[in-house]
Protein backbone atom coordinates (compact mmCIF):
# COMPACT_ATOMS: atom_id res chain seq x y z
CA MET A 1 53.54 171.45 101.43
CA GLU A 2 49.94 171.41 100.61
CA ASN A 3 50.22 169.60 97.43
CA GLU A 4 52.29 166.73 98.56
CA ARG A 5 50.78 163.34 97.81
CA PRO A 6 51.29 160.86 100.69
CA GLU A 7 53.34 157.92 99.60
CA PRO A 8 51.66 154.43 99.18
CA ILE A 9 52.24 152.17 102.25
CA VAL A 10 53.53 148.70 101.61
CA ILE A 11 51.63 146.12 103.79
CA PRO A 12 53.51 142.91 104.43
CA TYR A 13 51.17 140.12 103.43
CA ARG A 14 52.19 138.14 106.49
CA ASP A 15 50.73 141.02 108.70
CA LEU A 16 47.25 140.30 107.42
CA SER A 17 44.92 137.75 108.91
CA GLU A 18 44.19 134.83 106.56
CA PRO A 19 40.63 135.98 105.82
CA ALA A 20 41.83 139.60 105.16
CA LEU A 21 44.65 138.34 102.84
CA ARG A 22 42.22 136.10 100.95
CA GLY A 23 39.88 139.08 100.51
CA VAL A 24 42.61 141.29 99.15
CA LEU A 25 43.73 138.54 96.73
CA GLU A 26 40.31 137.62 95.61
CA SER A 27 39.48 141.38 95.00
CA PHE A 28 42.62 141.76 93.01
CA VAL A 29 42.06 138.68 90.92
CA LEU A 30 38.51 139.48 90.18
CA ARG A 31 39.26 143.02 89.22
CA GLU A 32 42.08 142.00 86.82
CA GLY A 33 40.02 140.05 84.47
CA THR A 34 43.03 138.35 83.06
CA ASP A 35 42.81 135.94 80.12
CA TYR A 36 44.55 132.66 81.11
CA GLY A 37 44.48 131.26 77.61
CA GLU A 38 42.89 128.04 76.57
CA ARG A 39 42.72 126.40 79.93
CA GLU A 40 40.13 127.60 82.52
CA VAL A 41 41.79 128.58 85.83
CA THR A 42 39.68 128.66 88.97
CA LEU A 43 39.55 131.51 91.49
CA ASP A 44 41.41 129.44 94.01
CA GLN A 45 44.23 128.78 91.48
CA LYS A 46 44.46 132.41 90.61
CA VAL A 47 44.50 133.41 94.30
CA ALA A 48 47.23 130.77 94.76
CA GLN A 49 49.36 132.17 91.98
CA VAL A 50 49.18 135.66 93.32
CA LEU A 51 50.15 134.36 96.88
CA ARG A 52 53.10 132.66 95.41
CA GLN A 53 54.24 135.95 93.78
CA LEU A 54 53.91 137.76 97.31
CA GLU A 55 55.88 134.81 99.01
CA ARG A 56 58.70 135.08 96.34
CA GLY A 57 58.82 138.89 96.80
CA ASP A 58 57.78 139.40 93.05
CA ALA A 59 54.68 141.40 94.26
CA GLN A 60 53.56 143.40 97.26
CA ILE A 61 50.34 144.63 98.70
CA VAL A 62 50.11 148.45 98.72
CA PHE A 63 47.68 150.78 100.48
CA ASP A 64 47.12 154.11 98.75
CA PRO A 65 46.08 156.67 101.37
CA VAL A 66 44.79 159.12 98.74
CA VAL A 67 42.12 156.97 97.29
CA GLU A 68 41.96 154.62 100.33
CA SER A 69 42.37 151.46 98.41
CA VAL A 70 44.54 148.34 98.51
CA ASP A 71 46.14 146.80 95.51
CA VAL A 72 48.68 144.11 94.66
CA VAL A 73 51.56 145.47 92.58
CA VAL A 74 54.43 143.74 90.87
CA LYS A 75 57.87 144.91 92.11
CA ARG A 76 60.30 146.10 89.61
C-alpha cells in the first residue's frame, strides 16, 4: 500500500559504539529541556540517568525512517 508508514525501528543501545550512544543521549537530553527542580543537574548526570533507564529496559532508542531521526522513548 502506498500510504503505509514504515514502523519505527528499535535500536538496542548495546549495538551502538560508545561515542554514538553518548551522542544520541546528549542530543536527547539537550532537546528535552527538562526542569530538574531546585538542584542543578549536569549534562553528564542527565546522560547517566537516561542510560540507566535504557539498562533497566524502561526506555529504548528508536529510529523513525520517515523523518530519519533517532529518539529515546519510554516503554509503556
